[in-house]
Amino acid sequence: MREAETGSVEGIVTAAYLLAPHLPELNEETGYRDTAMPGRLFHPEYRRSFCFGAVTLRPGMTVGELGAVLRTIAADATS
């Protein structure tokens, strides 16, 4: 939070993501509401809807996989 020019308080966080080694089993054909926790946090629809969620980040991931994770976060946070 920060103080706006008007003196009121405004938020500065636009998105938040948990980085976890968890590999969820997702069915993207069903909505996130039908996905059990913790998988719901990884569901693309949930992440896009709330600009909050989780992405898988594990030791040994390739540069390409890491890039895909970062692109996912950026796409969700700016849509």
N, C-alpha and C. Protein backbone atom coordinates (compact mmCIF):
# COMPACT_ATOMS: atom_id res chain seq x y z
N MET A 1 0.84 -1.16 0.00
CA MET A 1 0.00 0.00 0.00
C MET A 1 0.89 1.23 0.00
N ARG A 2 0.32 2.29 -0.55
CA ARG A 2 1.03 3.57 -0.53
C ARG A 2 0.00 4.69 -0.45
N GLU A 3 0.48 5.84 -0.07
CA GLU A 3 -0.40 6.99 0.03
C GLU A 3 -0.51 7.65 -1.34
N ALA A 4 -1.75 7.87 -1.77
CA ALA A 4 -1.99 8.54 -3.04
C ALA A 4 -1.86 10.04 -2.86
N GLU A 5 -1.84 10.76 -3.96
CA GLU A 5 -1.72 12.22 -3.91
C GLU A 5 -2.88 12.85 -3.14
N THR A 6 -4.01 12.18 -3.14
CA THR A 6 -5.19 12.70 -2.43
C THR A 6 -5.12 12.46 -0.92
N GLY A 7 -4.13 11.70 -0.48
CA GLY A 7 -3.99 11.36 0.93
C GLY A 7 -4.62 10.04 1.29
N SER A 8 -5.38 9.46 0.37
CA SER A 8 -5.98 8.14 0.63
C SER A 8 -4.93 7.06 0.38
N VAL A 9 -5.25 5.86 0.80
CA VAL A 9 -4.36 4.73 0.63
C VAL A 9 -4.78 3.96 -0.61
N GLU A 10 -3.80 3.55 -1.42
CA GLU A 10 -4.10 2.75 -2.60
C GLU A 10 -3.17 1.55 -2.65
N GLY A 11 -3.66 0.48 -3.24
CA GLY A 11 -2.86 -0.72 -3.37
C GLY A 11 -1.88 -0.62 -4.52
N ILE A 12 -0.74 -1.29 -4.40
CA ILE A 12 0.25 -1.29 -5.47
C ILE A 12 0.50 -2.68 -6.03
N VAL A 13 -0.03 -3.70 -5.37
CA VAL A 13 0.15 -5.08 -5.83
C VAL A 13 -0.95 -5.38 -6.84
N THR A 14 -0.57 -5.87 -8.02
CA THR A 14 -1.56 -6.19 -9.05
C THR A 14 -1.74 -7.69 -9.24
N ALA A 15 -0.79 -8.48 -8.76
CA ALA A 15 -0.89 -9.94 -8.88
C ALA A 15 0.06 -10.58 -7.86
N ALA A 16 -0.26 -11.81 -7.46
CA ALA A 16 0.59 -12.55 -6.53
C ALA A 16 0.55 -14.02 -6.89
N TYR A 17 1.69 -14.65 -6.89
CA TYR A 17 1.79 -16.06 -7.27
C TYR A 17 2.68 -16.81 -6.29
N LEU A 18 2.25 -18.01 -5.94
CA LEU A 18 3.04 -18.92 -5.13
C LEU A 18 3.87 -19.77 -6.07
N LEU A 19 5.13 -19.94 -5.76
CA LEU A 19 6.00 -20.82 -6.53
C LEU A 19 6.14 -22.09 -5.72
N ALA A 20 5.72 -23.22 -6.28
CA ALA A 20 5.69 -24.46 -5.52
C ALA A 20 6.17 -25.62 -6.38
N PRO A 21 6.77 -26.63 -5.76
CA PRO A 21 7.20 -27.80 -6.52
C PRO A 21 6.05 -28.75 -6.87
N HIS A 22 4.86 -28.45 -6.41
CA HIS A 22 3.69 -29.31 -6.62
C HIS A 22 3.37 -29.45 -8.11
N LEU A 23 3.07 -30.66 -8.55
CA LEU A 23 2.63 -30.92 -9.92
C LEU A 23 1.14 -31.28 -9.86
N PRO A 24 0.28 -30.33 -10.13
CA PRO A 24 -1.15 -30.60 -10.01
C PRO A 24 -1.67 -31.44 -11.17
N GLU A 25 -2.73 -32.16 -10.91
CA GLU A 25 -3.45 -32.87 -11.97
C GLU A 25 -4.67 -32.02 -12.29
N LEU A 26 -4.60 -31.33 -13.44
CA LEU A 26 -5.66 -30.41 -13.81
C LEU A 26 -6.44 -30.92 -15.00
N ASN A 27 -7.72 -30.69 -14.97
CA ASN A 27 -8.57 -30.91 -16.13
C ASN A 27 -9.07 -29.52 -16.52
N GLU A 28 -8.45 -28.94 -17.55
CA GLU A 28 -8.78 -27.57 -17.93
C GLU A 28 -10.17 -27.46 -18.54
N GLU A 29 -10.81 -28.59 -18.84
CA GLU A 29 -12.17 -28.56 -19.38
C GLU A 29 -13.20 -28.26 -18.30
N THR A 30 -12.85 -28.54 -17.05
CA THR A 30 -13.75 -28.21 -15.94
C THR A 30 -13.30 -26.88 -15.36
N GLY A 31 -14.20 -26.16 -14.76
CA GLY A 31 -13.87 -24.88 -14.16
C GLY A 31 -13.07 -25.07 -12.89
N TYR A 32 -12.47 -23.99 -12.45
CA TYR A 32 -11.64 -24.07 -11.25
C TYR A 32 -12.48 -24.42 -10.03
N ARG A 33 -13.76 -24.08 -10.03
CA ARG A 33 -14.60 -24.39 -8.87
C ARG A 33 -14.75 -25.89 -8.66
N ASP A 34 -14.59 -26.65 -9.72
CA ASP A 34 -14.69 -28.12 -9.63
C ASP A 34 -13.34 -28.78 -9.37
N THR A 35 -12.31 -27.98 -9.16
CA THR A 35 -10.97 -28.50 -8.92
C THR A 35 -10.66 -28.39 -7.43
N ALA A 36 -10.23 -29.50 -6.86
CA ALA A 36 -9.92 -29.53 -5.43
C ALA A 36 -8.64 -28.75 -5.14
N MET A 37 -8.54 -28.25 -3.93
CA MET A 37 -7.32 -27.59 -3.47
C MET A 37 -6.27 -28.66 -3.23
N PRO A 38 -4.99 -28.43 -3.42
CA PRO A 38 -4.41 -27.16 -3.83
C PRO A 38 -4.39 -26.95 -5.35
N GLY A 39 -4.85 -27.94 -6.11
CA GLY A 39 -4.83 -27.82 -7.56
C GLY A 39 -5.55 -26.60 -8.10
N ARG A 40 -6.58 -26.17 -7.38
CA ARG A 40 -7.36 -24.99 -7.82
C ARG A 40 -6.46 -23.77 -8.01
N LEU A 41 -5.48 -23.62 -7.13
CA LEU A 41 -4.57 -22.47 -7.24
C LEU A 41 -3.76 -22.48 -8.53
N PHE A 42 -3.56 -23.67 -9.10
CA PHE A 42 -2.77 -23.82 -10.32
C PHE A 42 -3.64 -23.73 -11.58
N HIS A 43 -4.94 -23.75 -11.41
CA HIS A 43 -5.85 -23.78 -12.56
C HIS A 43 -5.75 -22.46 -13.34
N PRO A 44 -5.55 -22.52 -14.65
CA PRO A 44 -5.39 -21.30 -15.45
C PRO A 44 -6.55 -20.32 -15.31
N GLU A 45 -7.76 -20.81 -15.25
CA GLU A 45 -8.93 -19.93 -15.12
C GLU A 45 -8.92 -19.20 -13.77
N TYR A 46 -8.54 -19.91 -12.72
CA TYR A 46 -8.45 -19.30 -11.40
C TYR A 46 -7.40 -18.21 -11.38
N ARG A 47 -6.20 -18.53 -11.90
CA ARG A 47 -5.11 -17.55 -11.93
C ARG A 47 -5.50 -16.31 -12.71
N ARG A 48 -6.10 -16.48 -13.88
CA ARG A 48 -6.49 -15.33 -14.71
C ARG A 48 -7.60 -14.51 -14.05
N SER A 49 -8.53 -15.19 -13.41
CA SER A 49 -9.66 -14.49 -12.79
C SER A 49 -9.26 -13.62 -11.61
N PHE A 50 -8.34 -14.12 -10.80
CA PHE A 50 -8.01 -13.44 -9.55
C PHE A 50 -6.63 -12.79 -9.54
N CYS A 51 -5.83 -13.00 -10.60
CA CYS A 51 -4.44 -12.53 -10.61
C CYS A 51 -3.72 -13.01 -9.35
N PHE A 52 -4.06 -14.20 -8.96
CA PHE A 52 -3.47 -14.85 -7.80
C PHE A 52 -3.51 -16.34 -8.06
N GLY A 53 -2.51 -17.04 -7.63
CA GLY A 53 -2.51 -18.48 -7.81
C GLY A 53 -1.15 -19.05 -7.57
N ALA A 54 -0.91 -20.21 -8.16
CA ALA A 54 0.35 -20.90 -7.97
C ALA A 54 0.84 -21.42 -9.31
N VAL A 55 2.16 -21.51 -9.42
CA VAL A 55 2.79 -22.11 -10.59
C VAL A 55 3.86 -23.08 -10.10
N THR A 56 4.12 -24.08 -10.90
CA THR A 56 5.11 -25.09 -10.54
C THR A 56 6.51 -24.58 -10.87
N LEU A 57 7.38 -24.64 -9.88
CA LEU A 57 8.78 -24.28 -10.05
C LEU A 57 9.58 -25.33 -9.29
N ARG A 58 10.34 -26.13 -10.03
CA ARG A 58 11.07 -27.25 -9.43
C ARG A 58 12.53 -27.19 -9.78
N PRO A 59 13.40 -27.70 -8.91
CA PRO A 59 14.81 -27.79 -9.25
C PRO A 59 14.99 -28.64 -10.51
N GLY A 60 15.91 -28.24 -11.36
CA GLY A 60 16.20 -29.00 -12.56
C GLY A 60 15.39 -28.60 -13.77
N MET A 61 14.51 -27.62 -13.64
CA MET A 61 13.73 -27.17 -14.80
C MET A 61 14.67 -26.54 -15.83
N THR A 62 14.34 -26.72 -17.09
CA THR A 62 15.16 -26.15 -18.15
C THR A 62 14.89 -24.65 -18.27
N VAL A 63 15.76 -23.98 -18.99
CA VAL A 63 15.57 -22.55 -19.22
C VAL A 63 14.25 -22.31 -19.96
N GLY A 64 13.91 -23.18 -20.89
CA GLY A 64 12.65 -23.07 -21.61
C GLY A 64 11.45 -23.21 -20.70
N GLU A 65 11.51 -24.16 -19.77
CA GLU A 65 10.42 -24.36 -18.81
C GLU A 65 10.28 -23.15 -17.88
N LEU A 66 11.41 -22.62 -17.42
CA LEU A 66 11.37 -21.43 -16.57
C LEU A 66 10.79 -20.24 -17.34
N GLY A 67 11.17 -20.11 -18.59
CA GLY A 67 10.62 -19.04 -19.42
C GLY A 67 9.12 -19.16 -19.58
N ALA A 68 8.64 -20.39 -19.75
CA ALA A 68 7.20 -20.63 -19.88
C ALA A 68 6.47 -20.23 -18.60
N VAL A 69 7.04 -20.52 -17.46
CA VAL A 69 6.43 -20.14 -16.18
C VAL A 69 6.34 -18.62 -16.08
N LEU A 70 7.42 -17.94 -16.41
CA LEU A 70 7.43 -16.47 -16.34
C LEU A 70 6.43 -15.86 -17.33
N ARG A 71 6.33 -16.44 -18.52
CA ARG A 71 5.35 -15.94 -19.51
C ARG A 71 3.93 -16.16 -19.00
N THR A 72 3.68 -17.29 -18.34
CA THR A 72 2.36 -17.57 -17.78
C THR A 72 1.99 -16.52 -16.73
N ILE A 73 2.92 -16.25 -15.83
CA ILE A 73 2.66 -15.25 -14.79
C ILE A 73 2.39 -13.89 -15.42
N ALA A 74 3.23 -13.48 -16.36
CA ALA A 74 3.07 -12.18 -16.99
C ALA A 74 1.74 -12.09 -17.74
N ALA A 75 1.36 -13.14 -18.44
CA ALA A 75 0.10 -13.14 -19.18
C ALA A 75 -1.11 -13.04 -18.24
N ASP A 76 -1.08 -13.81 -17.15
CA ASP A 76 -2.17 -13.78 -16.18
C ASP A 76 -2.27 -12.40 -15.52
N ALA A 77 -1.14 -11.83 -15.17
CA ALA A 77 -1.12 -10.58 -14.42
C ALA A 77 -1.46 -9.37 -15.26
N THR A 78 -1.36 -9.48 -16.56
CA THR A 78 -1.61 -8.32 -17.41
C THR A 78 -2.87 -8.46 -18.25
N SER A 79 -3.60 -9.55 -18.08
CA SER A 79 -4.81 -9.74 -18.91
C SER A 79 -6.00 -9.04 -18.31
